[in-house]
Amino acid sequence: MSSNTDVSISSYDEDQGSKLIRKAKEAPFVPIGMAGFAAIVAYGLYKLKSRGNTKMSIHLIHMRVAAQGFVVGAMTVGMGYSMYREYWAKPKP
């Protein structure tokens, strides 16, 4: 029987903060999308009182669409960046 001793022990010793930083370096647009989503939700809650005579449901739908649009945009730009880094910016042997 062979045992797999090639497993990295350092991945088990990694705390949440360093894991988040490592993942953010691998895919930088994920935290940008999360931050944008949170900012749009906070802005929507802030503007909730001064929405005028717009119905509550319409206001919430607009905020949901804006937040989803920002996240999808960040994912699209991140995927384009990842493809660029993988296929075009890779050093040629």
PDB file of N, CA and C in Angstrom:
ATOM      1  N   MET A   1       0.840  -1.188   0.000  1.00  0.00           N
ATOM      2  CA  MET A   1       0.000   0.000   0.000  1.00  0.00           C
ATOM      3  C   MET A   1       0.875   1.238   0.000  1.00  0.00           C
ATOM      4  N   SER A   2       0.465   2.199  -0.759  1.00  0.00           N
ATOM      5  CA  SER A   2       1.204   3.456  -0.789  1.00  0.00           C
ATOM      6  C   SER A   2       0.382   4.533  -0.099  1.00  0.00           C
ATOM      7  N   SER A   3       1.055   5.380   0.609  1.00  0.00           N
ATOM      8  CA  SER A   3       0.357   6.480   1.275  1.00  0.00           C
ATOM      9  C   SER A   3       0.697   7.781   0.568  1.00  0.00           C
ATOM     10  N   ASN A   4      -0.284   8.632   0.495  1.00  0.00           N
ATOM     11  CA  ASN A   4      -0.093   9.918  -0.181  1.00  0.00           C
ATOM     12  C   ASN A   4       0.390  10.941   0.833  1.00  0.00           C
ATOM     13  N   THR A   5       1.703  11.146   0.895  1.00  0.00           N
ATOM     14  CA  THR A   5       2.273  12.111   1.845  1.00  0.00           C
ATOM     15  C   THR A   5       2.591  13.427   1.162  1.00  0.00           C
ATOM     16  N   ASP A   6       2.106  13.602  -0.078  1.00  0.00           N
ATOM     17  CA  ASP A   6       2.389  14.812  -0.847  1.00  0.00           C
ATOM     18  C   ASP A   6       1.383  15.926  -0.565  1.00  0.00           C
ATOM     19  N   VAL A   7       0.441  15.693   0.344  1.00  0.00           N
ATOM     20  CA  VAL A   7      -0.577  16.684   0.670  1.00  0.00           C
ATOM     21  C   VAL A   7       0.071  17.811   1.450  1.00  0.00           C
ATOM     22  N   SER A   8      -0.221  19.019   1.057  1.00  0.00           N
ATOM     23  CA  SER A   8       0.363  20.184   1.705  1.00  0.00           C
ATOM     24  C   SER A   8      -0.294  20.426   3.063  1.00  0.00           C
ATOM     25  N   ILE A   9       0.500  20.424   4.093  1.00  0.00           N
ATOM     26  CA  ILE A   9       0.001  20.678   5.439  1.00  0.00           C
ATOM     27  C   ILE A   9      -0.288  22.166   5.622  1.00  0.00           C
ATOM     28  N   SER A  10       0.377  23.035   4.872  1.00  0.00           N
ATOM     29  CA  SER A  10       0.203  24.473   5.054  1.00  0.00           C
ATOM     30  C   SER A  10      -1.220  24.921   4.718  1.00  0.00           C
ATOM     31  N   SER A  11      -1.910  24.197   3.834  1.00  0.00           N
ATOM     32  CA  SER A  11      -3.276  24.593   3.506  1.00  0.00           C
ATOM     33  C   SER A  11      -4.212  24.370   4.692  1.00  0.00           C
ATOM     34  N   TYR A  12      -3.871  23.444   5.560  1.00  0.00           N
ATOM     35  CA  TYR A  12      -4.702  23.205   6.738  1.00  0.00           C
ATOM     36  C   TYR A  12      -4.413  24.216   7.845  1.00  0.00           C
ATOM     37  N   ASP A  13      -3.217  24.764   7.858  1.00  0.00           N
ATOM     38  CA  ASP A  13      -2.835  25.719   8.889  1.00  0.00           C
ATOM     39  C   ASP A  13      -3.232  27.158   8.531  1.00  0.00           C
ATOM     40  N   GLU A  14      -3.796  27.354   7.362  1.00  0.00           N
ATOM     41  CA  GLU A  14      -4.126  28.684   6.877  1.00  0.00           C
ATOM     42  C   GLU A  14      -5.382  29.216   7.582  1.00  0.00           C
ATOM     43  N   ASP A  15      -5.316  30.425   8.127  1.00  0.00           N
ATOM     44  CA  ASP A  15      -6.499  31.002   8.761  1.00  0.00           C
ATOM     45  C   ASP A  15      -7.373  31.675   7.709  1.00  0.00           C
ATOM     46  N   GLN A  16      -8.545  32.139   8.124  1.00  0.00           N
ATOM     47  CA  GLN A  16      -9.529  32.675   7.189  1.00  0.00           C
ATOM     48  C   GLN A  16      -9.042  33.935   6.485  1.00  0.00           C
ATOM     49  N   GLY A  17      -8.349  34.812   7.194  1.00  0.00           N
ATOM     50  CA  GLY A  17      -7.868  36.055   6.605  1.00  0.00           C
ATOM     51  C   GLY A  17      -6.857  35.815   5.502  1.00  0.00           C
ATOM     52  N   SER A  18      -5.879  34.950   5.750  1.00  0.00           N
ATOM     53  CA  SER A  18      -4.870  34.688   4.723  1.00  0.00           C
ATOM     54  C   SER A  18      -5.451  33.896   3.557  1.00  0.00           C
ATOM     55  N   LYS A  19      -6.439  33.063   3.833  1.00  0.00           N
ATOM     56  CA  LYS A  19      -7.098  32.323   2.757  1.00  0.00           C
ATOM     57  C   LYS A  19      -7.867  33.292   1.852  1.00  0.00           C
ATOM     58  N   LEU A  20      -8.555  34.275   2.456  1.00  0.00           N
ATOM     59  CA  LEU A  20      -9.283  35.269   1.678  1.00  0.00           C
ATOM     60  C   LEU A  20      -8.332  36.106   0.830  1.00  0.00           C
ATOM     61  N   ILE A  21      -7.199  36.492   1.388  1.00  0.00           N
ATOM     62  CA  ILE A  21      -6.214  37.273   0.647  1.00  0.00           C
ATOM     63  C   ILE A  21      -5.640  36.457  -0.511  1.00  0.00           C
ATOM     64  N   ARG A  22      -5.352  35.178  -0.271  1.00  0.00           N
ATOM     65  CA  ARG A  22      -4.813  34.323  -1.327  1.00  0.00           C
ATOM     66  C   ARG A  22      -5.828  34.147  -2.458  1.00  0.00           C
ATOM     67  N   LYS A  23      -7.085  33.905  -2.104  1.00  0.00           N
ATOM     68  CA  LYS A  23      -8.128  33.750  -3.120  1.00  0.00           C
ATOM     69  C   LYS A  23      -8.367  35.055  -3.877  1.00  0.00           C
ATOM     70  N   ALA A  24      -8.268  36.191  -3.195  1.00  0.00           N
ATOM     71  CA  ALA A  24      -8.454  37.485  -3.855  1.00  0.00           C
ATOM     72  C   ALA A  24      -7.332  37.760  -4.843  1.00  0.00           C
ATOM     73  N   LYS A  25      -6.126  37.285  -4.564  1.00  0.00           N
ATOM     74  CA  LYS A  25      -5.028  37.452  -5.514  1.00  0.00           C
ATOM     75  C   LYS A  25      -5.214  36.565  -6.738  1.00  0.00           C
ATOM     76  N   GLU A  26      -5.806  35.385  -6.540  1.00  0.00           N
ATOM     77  CA  GLU A  26      -6.049  34.480  -7.665  1.00  0.00           C
ATOM     78  C   GLU A  26      -7.159  35.000  -8.568  1.00  0.00           C
ATOM     79  N   ALA A  27      -8.215  35.543  -7.986  1.00  0.00           N
ATOM     80  CA  ALA A  27      -9.361  36.065  -8.741  1.00  0.00           C
ATOM     81  C   ALA A  27      -9.733  37.428  -8.175  1.00  0.00           C
ATOM     82  N   PRO A  28      -9.091  38.504  -8.632  1.00  0.00           N
ATOM     83  CA  PRO A  28      -9.274  39.809  -8.008  1.00  0.00           C
ATOM     84  C   PRO A  28     -10.649  40.436  -8.222  1.00  0.00           C
ATOM     85  N   PHE A  29     -11.420  39.975  -9.188  1.00  0.00           N
ATOM     86  CA  PHE A  29     -12.703  40.606  -9.457  1.00  0.00           C
ATOM     87  C   PHE A  29     -13.827  40.056  -8.586  1.00  0.00           C
ATOM     88  N   VAL A  30     -13.602  38.959  -7.878  1.00  0.00           N
ATOM     89  CA  VAL A  30     -14.624  38.431  -6.965  1.00  0.00           C
ATOM     90  C   VAL A  30     -14.851  39.383  -5.796  1.00  0.00           C
ATOM     91  N   PRO A  31     -13.803  39.816  -5.075  1.00  0.00           N
ATOM     92  CA  PRO A  31     -14.053  40.780  -4.005  1.00  0.00           C
ATOM     93  C   PRO A  31     -14.560  42.125  -4.514  1.00  0.00           C
ATOM     94  N   ILE A  32     -14.167  42.505  -5.724  1.00  0.00           N
ATOM     95  CA  ILE A  32     -14.683  43.749  -6.301  1.00  0.00           C
ATOM     96  C   ILE A  32     -16.186  43.631  -6.536  1.00  0.00           C
ATOM     97  N   GLY A  33     -16.633  42.486  -7.053  1.00  0.00           N
ATOM     98  CA  GLY A  33     -18.066  42.253  -7.262  1.00  0.00           C
ATOM     99  C   GLY A  33     -18.831  42.229  -5.956  1.00  0.00           C
ATOM    100  N   MET A  34     -18.251  41.607  -4.927  1.00  0.00           N
ATOM    101  CA  MET A  34     -18.911  41.557  -3.616  1.00  0.00           C
ATOM    102  C   MET A  34     -19.006  42.946  -3.007  1.00  0.00           C
ATOM    103  N   ALA A  35     -17.948  43.736  -3.129  1.00  0.00           N
ATOM    104  CA  ALA A  35     -17.954  45.088  -2.574  1.00  0.00           C
ATOM    105  C   ALA A  35     -18.938  45.978  -3.318  1.00  0.00           C
ATOM    106  N   GLY A  36     -19.004  45.842  -4.622  1.00  0.00           N
ATOM    107  CA  GLY A  36     -19.971  46.614  -5.405  1.00  0.00           C
ATOM    108  C   GLY A  36     -21.401  46.255  -5.059  1.00  0.00           C
ATOM    109  N   PHE A  37     -21.647  44.962  -4.887  1.00  0.00           N
ATOM    110  CA  PHE A  37     -22.976  44.514  -4.482  1.00  0.00           C
ATOM    111  C   PHE A  37     -23.366  45.126  -3.141  1.00  0.00           C
ATOM    112  N   ALA A  38     -22.446  45.071  -2.178  1.00  0.00           N
ATOM    113  CA  ALA A  38     -22.726  45.629  -0.854  1.00  0.00           C
ATOM    114  C   ALA A  38     -22.939  47.143  -0.921  1.00  0.00           C
ATOM    115  N   ALA A  39     -22.163  47.818  -1.768  1.00  0.00           N
ATOM    116  CA  ALA A  39     -22.311  49.274  -1.898  1.00  0.00           C
ATOM    117  C   ALA A  39     -23.665  49.638  -2.503  1.00  0.00           C
ATOM    118  N   ILE A  40     -24.112  48.892  -3.505  1.00  0.00           N
ATOM    119  CA  ILE A  40     -25.405  49.179  -4.132  1.00  0.00           C
ATOM    120  C   ILE A  40     -26.548  48.898  -3.164  1.00  0.00           C
ATOM    121  N   VAL A  41     -26.430  47.834  -2.395  1.00  0.00           N
ATOM    122  CA  VAL A  41     -27.467  47.544  -1.392  1.00  0.00           C
ATOM    123  C   VAL A  41     -27.503  48.636  -0.334  1.00  0.00           C
ATOM    124  N   ALA A  42     -26.327  49.086   0.123  1.00  0.00           N
ATOM    125  CA  ALA A  42     -26.289  50.159   1.121  1.00  0.00           C
ATOM    126  C   ALA A  42     -26.871  51.455   0.554  1.00  0.00           C
ATOM    127  N   TYR A  43     -26.561  51.765  -0.694  1.00  0.00           N
ATOM    128  CA  TYR A  43     -27.107  52.953  -1.339  1.00  0.00           C
ATOM    129  C   TYR A  43     -28.626  52.842  -1.477  1.00  0.00           C
ATOM    130  N   GLY A  44     -29.106  51.661  -1.829  1.00  0.00           N
ATOM    131  CA  GLY A  44     -30.552  51.451  -1.952  1.00  0.00           C
ATOM    132  C   GLY A  44     -31.274  51.631  -0.628  1.00  0.00           C
ATOM    133  N   LEU A  45     -30.668  51.146   0.443  1.00  0.00           N
ATOM    134  CA  LEU A  45     -31.272  51.330   1.766  1.00  0.00           C
ATOM    135  C   LEU A  45     -31.237  52.791   2.186  1.00  0.00           C
ATOM    136  N   TYR A  46     -30.164  53.482   1.835  1.00  0.00           N
ATOM    137  CA  TYR A  46     -30.043  54.897   2.164  1.00  0.00           C
ATOM    138  C   TYR A  46     -31.107  55.716   1.420  1.00  0.00           C
ATOM    139  N   LYS A  47     -31.326  55.406   0.160  1.00  0.00           N
ATOM    140  CA  LYS A  47     -32.279  56.146  -0.658  1.00  0.00           C
ATOM    141  C   LYS A  47     -33.722  55.681  -0.474  1.00  0.00           C
ATOM    142  N   LEU A  48     -33.949  54.742   0.390  1.00  0.00           N
ATOM    143  CA  LEU A  48     -35.285  54.186   0.582  1.00  0.00           C
ATOM    144  C   LEU A  48     -36.283  55.238   1.052  1.00  0.00           C
ATOM    145  N   LYS A  49     -35.857  56.131   1.930  1.00  0.00           N
ATOM    146  CA  LYS A  49     -36.773  57.152   2.445  1.00  0.00           C
ATOM    147  C   LYS A  49     -37.052  58.252   1.434  1.00  0.00           C
ATOM    148  N   SER A  50     -36.088  58.555   0.597  1.00  0.00           N
ATOM    149  CA  SER A  50     -36.262  59.669  -0.336  1.00  0.00           C
ATOM    150  C   SER A  50     -36.576  59.185  -1.747  1.00  0.00           C
ATOM    151  N   ARG A  51     -37.335  58.138  -1.863  1.00  0.00           N
ATOM    152  CA  ARG A  51     -37.655  57.604  -3.183  1.00  0.00           C
ATOM    153  C   ARG A  51     -38.819  58.331  -3.841  1.00  0.00           C
ATOM    154  N   GLY A  52     -39.414  59.294  -3.168  1.00  0.00           N
ATOM    155  CA  GLY A  52     -40.528  60.061  -3.727  1.00  0.00           C
ATOM    156  C   GLY A  52     -41.802  59.243  -3.708  1.00  0.00           C
ATOM    157  N   ASN A  53     -42.561  59.331  -4.782  1.00  0.00           N
ATOM    158  CA  ASN A  53     -43.817  58.580  -4.822  1.00  0.00           C
ATOM    159  C   ASN A  53     -43.669  57.277  -5.614  1.00  0.00           C
ATOM    160  N   THR A  54     -42.424  56.786  -5.742  1.00  0.00           N
ATOM    161  CA  THR A  54     -42.181  55.502  -6.387  1.00  0.00           C
ATOM    162  C   THR A  54     -42.599  54.389  -5.432  1.00  0.00           C
ATOM    163  N   LYS A  55     -43.250  53.371  -5.974  1.00  0.00           N
ATOM    164  CA  LYS A  55     -43.665  52.247  -5.131  1.00  0.00           C
ATOM    165  C   LYS A  55     -42.440  51.526  -4.569  1.00  0.00           C
ATOM    166  N   MET A  56     -42.635  50.939  -3.403  1.00  0.00           N
ATOM    167  CA  MET A  56     -41.561  50.197  -2.742  1.00  0.00           C
ATOM    168  C   MET A  56     -41.081  49.033  -3.608  1.00  0.00           C
ATOM    169  N   SER A  57     -42.001  48.324  -4.225  1.00  0.00           N
ATOM    170  CA  SER A  57     -41.610  47.158  -5.029  1.00  0.00           C
ATOM    171  C   SER A  57     -40.776  47.577  -6.236  1.00  0.00           C
ATOM    172  N   ILE A  58     -41.107  48.684  -6.861  1.00  0.00           N
ATOM    173  CA  ILE A  58     -40.348  49.163  -8.018  1.00  0.00           C
ATOM    174  C   ILE A  58     -38.939  49.575  -7.594  1.00  0.00           C
ATOM    175  N   HIS A  59     -38.850  50.240  -6.453  1.00  0.00           N
ATOM    176  CA  HIS A  59     -37.537  50.646  -5.927  1.00  0.00           C
ATOM    177  C   HIS A  59     -36.673  49.414  -5.649  1.00  0.00           C
ATOM    178  N   LEU A  60     -37.247  48.401  -5.016  1.00  0.00           N
ATOM    179  CA  LEU A  60     -36.487  47.194  -4.702  1.00  0.00           C
ATOM    180  C   LEU A  60     -36.075  46.440  -5.956  1.00  0.00           C
ATOM    181  N   ILE A  61     -36.941  46.413  -6.954  1.00  0.00           N
ATOM    182  CA  ILE A  61     -36.600  45.740  -8.215  1.00  0.00           C
ATOM    183  C   ILE A  61     -35.434  46.464  -8.895  1.00  0.00           C
ATOM    184  N   HIS A  62     -35.465  47.798  -8.895  1.00  0.00           N
ATOM    185  CA  HIS A  62     -34.371  48.552  -9.507  1.00  0.00           C
ATOM    186  C   HIS A  62     -33.051  48.309  -8.776  1.00  0.00           C
ATOM    187  N   MET A  63     -33.086  48.264  -7.471  1.00  0.00           N
ATOM    188  CA  MET A  63     -31.862  48.018  -6.707  1.00  0.00           C
ATOM    189  C   MET A  63     -31.345  46.599  -6.943  1.00  0.00           C
ATOM    190  N   ARG A  64     -32.242  45.632  -7.039  1.00  0.00           N
ATOM    191  CA  ARG A  64     -31.834  44.248  -7.292  1.00  0.00           C
ATOM    192  C   ARG A  64     -31.180  44.135  -8.668  1.00  0.00           C
ATOM    193  N   VAL A  65     -31.775  44.760  -9.661  1.00  0.00           N
ATOM    194  CA  VAL A  65     -31.220  44.712 -11.017  1.00  0.00           C
ATOM    195  C   VAL A  65     -29.862  45.404 -11.069  1.00  0.00           C
ATOM    196  N   ALA A  66     -29.721  46.527 -10.386  1.00  0.00           N
ATOM    197  CA  ALA A  66     -28.436  47.232 -10.360  1.00  0.00           C
ATOM    198  C   ALA A  66     -27.361  46.376  -9.689  1.00  0.00           C
ATOM    199  N   ALA A  67     -27.704  45.745  -8.565  1.00  0.00           N
ATOM    200  CA  ALA A  67     -26.728  44.909  -7.863  1.00  0.00           C
ATOM    201  C   ALA A  67     -26.347  43.691  -8.702  1.00  0.00           C
ATOM    202  N   GLN A  68     -27.328  43.049  -9.308  1.00  0.00           N
ATOM    203  CA  GLN A  68     -27.029  41.894 -10.150  1.00  0.00           C
ATOM    204  C   GLN A  68     -26.214  42.299 -11.372  1.00  0.00           C
ATOM    205  N   GLY A  69     -26.528  43.432 -11.946  1.00  0.00           N
ATOM    206  CA  GLY A  69     -25.771  43.911 -13.099  1.00  0.00           C
ATOM    207  C   GLY A  69     -24.320  44.176 -12.758  1.00  0.00           C
ATOM    208  N   PHE A  70     -24.083  44.754 -11.587  1.00  0.00           N
ATOM    209  CA  PHE A  70     -22.703  45.010 -11.174  1.00  0.00           C
ATOM    210  C   PHE A  70     -21.941  43.708 -10.984  1.00  0.00           C
ATOM    211  N   VAL A  71     -22.574  42.723 -10.338  1.00  0.00           N
ATOM    212  CA  VAL A  71     -21.912  41.444 -10.095  1.00  0.00           C
ATOM    213  C   VAL A  71     -21.635  40.725 -11.418  1.00  0.00           C
ATOM    214  N   VAL A  72     -22.610  40.699 -12.312  1.00  0.00           N
ATOM    215  CA  VAL A  72     -22.402  40.039 -13.609  1.00  0.00           C
ATOM    216  C   VAL A  72     -21.315  40.765 -14.403  1.00  0.00           C
ATOM    217  N   GLY A  73     -21.301  42.087 -14.362  1.00  0.00           N
ATOM    218  CA  GLY A  73     -20.248  42.844 -15.032  1.00  0.00           C
ATOM    219  C   GLY A  73     -18.872  42.531 -14.466  1.00  0.00           C
ATOM    220  N   ALA A  74     -18.765  42.446 -13.145  1.00  0.00           N
ATOM    221  CA  ALA A  74     -17.484  42.116 -12.518  1.00  0.00           C
ATOM    222  C   ALA A  74     -17.054  40.696 -12.889  1.00  0.00           C
ATOM    223  N   MET A  75     -18.005  39.778 -12.949  1.00  0.00           N
ATOM    224  CA  MET A  75     -17.673  38.409 -13.355  1.00  0.00           C
ATOM    225  C   MET A  75     -17.198  38.363 -14.804  1.00  0.00           C
ATOM    226  N   THR A  76     -17.839  39.137 -15.675  1.00  0.00           N
ATOM    227  CA  THR A  76     -17.458  39.155 -17.087  1.00  0.00           C
ATOM    228  C   THR A  76     -16.067  39.741 -17.270  1.00  0.00           C
ATOM    229  N   VAL A  77     -15.806  40.857 -16.620  1.00  0.00           N
ATOM    230  CA  VAL A  77     -14.476  41.462 -16.706  1.00  0.00           C
ATOM    231  C   VAL A  77     -13.426  40.533 -16.099  1.00  0.00           C
ATOM    232  N   GLY A  78     -13.760  39.879 -15.003  1.00  0.00           N
ATOM    233  CA  GLY A  78     -12.836  38.931 -14.378  1.00  0.00           C
ATOM    234  C   GLY A  78     -12.532  37.749 -15.273  1.00  0.00           C
ATOM    235  N   MET A  79     -13.546  37.249 -15.966  1.00  0.00           N
ATOM    236  CA  MET A  79     -13.325  36.133 -16.880  1.00  0.00           C
ATOM    237  C   MET A  79     -12.456  36.576 -18.057  1.00  0.00           C
ATOM    238  N   GLY A  80     -12.711  37.768 -18.582  1.00  0.00           N
ATOM    239  CA  GLY A  80     -11.869  38.295 -19.660  1.00  0.00           C
ATOM    240  C   GLY A  80     -10.422  38.469 -19.214  1.00  0.00           C
ATOM    241  N   TYR A  81     -10.230  38.973 -18.005  1.00  0.00           N
ATOM    242  CA  TYR A  81      -8.887  39.143 -17.454  1.00  0.00           C
ATOM    243  C   TYR A  81      -8.202  37.792 -17.287  1.00  0.00           C
ATOM    244  N   SER A  82      -8.948  36.816 -16.795  1.00  0.00           N
ATOM    245  CA  SER A  82      -8.400  35.476 -16.605  1.00  0.00           C
ATOM    246  C   SER A  82      -8.011  34.849 -17.940  1.00  0.00           C
ATOM    247  N   MET A  83      -8.852  35.025 -18.954  1.00  0.00           N
ATOM    248  CA  MET A  83      -8.533  34.487 -20.284  1.00  0.00           C
ATOM    249  C   MET A  83      -7.310  35.187 -20.867  1.00  0.00           C
ATOM    250  N   TYR A  84      -7.225  36.494 -20.687  1.00  0.00           N
ATOM    251  CA  TYR A  84      -6.059  37.234 -21.165  1.00  0.00           C
ATOM    252  C   TYR A  84      -4.789  36.722 -20.497  1.00  0.00           C
ATOM    253  N   ARG A  85      -4.843  36.563 -19.193  1.00  0.00           N
ATOM    254  CA  ARG A  85      -3.672  36.116 -18.441  1.00  0.00           C
ATOM    255  C   ARG A  85      -3.280  34.689 -18.818  1.00  0.00           C
ATOM    256  N   GLU A  86      -4.276  33.849 -19.092  1.00  0.00           N
ATOM    257  CA  GLU A  86      -4.012  32.440 -19.389  1.00  0.00           C
ATOM    258  C   GLU A  86      -3.512  32.229 -20.817  1.00  0.00           C
ATOM    259  N   TYR A  87      -4.090  32.927 -21.796  1.00  0.00           N
ATOM    260  CA  TYR A  87      -3.803  32.626 -23.191  1.00  0.00           C
ATOM    261  C   TYR A  87      -2.899  33.621 -23.888  1.00  0.00           C
ATOM    262  N   TRP A  88      -3.009  34.908 -23.591  1.00  0.00           N
ATOM    263  CA  TRP A  88      -2.236  35.889 -24.332  1.00  0.00           C
ATOM    264  C   TRP A  88      -1.012  36.399 -23.583  1.00  0.00           C
ATOM    265  N   ALA A  89      -1.104  36.534 -22.292  1.00  0.00           N
ATOM    266  CA  ALA A  89       0.011  37.086 -21.526  1.00  0.00           C
ATOM    267  C   ALA A  89       0.970  36.005 -21.054  1.00  0.00           C
ATOM    268  N   LYS A  90       0.677  34.755 -21.360  1.00  0.00           N
ATOM    269  CA  LYS A  90       1.548  33.658 -20.936  1.00  0.00           C
ATOM    270  C   LYS A  90       2.868  33.722 -21.716  1.00  0.00           C
ATOM    271  N   PRO A  91       3.983  33.615 -21.045  1.00  0.00           N
ATOM    272  CA  PRO A  91       5.252  33.645 -21.764  1.00  0.00           C
ATOM    273  C   PRO A  91       5.391  32.430 -22.678  1.00  0.00           C
ATOM    274  N   LYS A  92       5.878  32.682 -23.870  1.00  0.00           N
ATOM    275  CA  LYS A  92       6.011  31.605 -24.841  1.00  0.00           C
ATOM    276  C   LYS A  92       7.372  30.910 -24.653  1.00  0.00           C
ATOM    277  N   PRO A  93       7.361  29.594 -24.653  1.00  0.00           N
ATOM    278  CA  PRO A  93       8.633  28.856 -24.446  1.00  0.00           C
ATOM    279  C   PRO A  93       9.547  28.888 -25.629  1.00  0.00           C
TER     280      PRO A  93
END
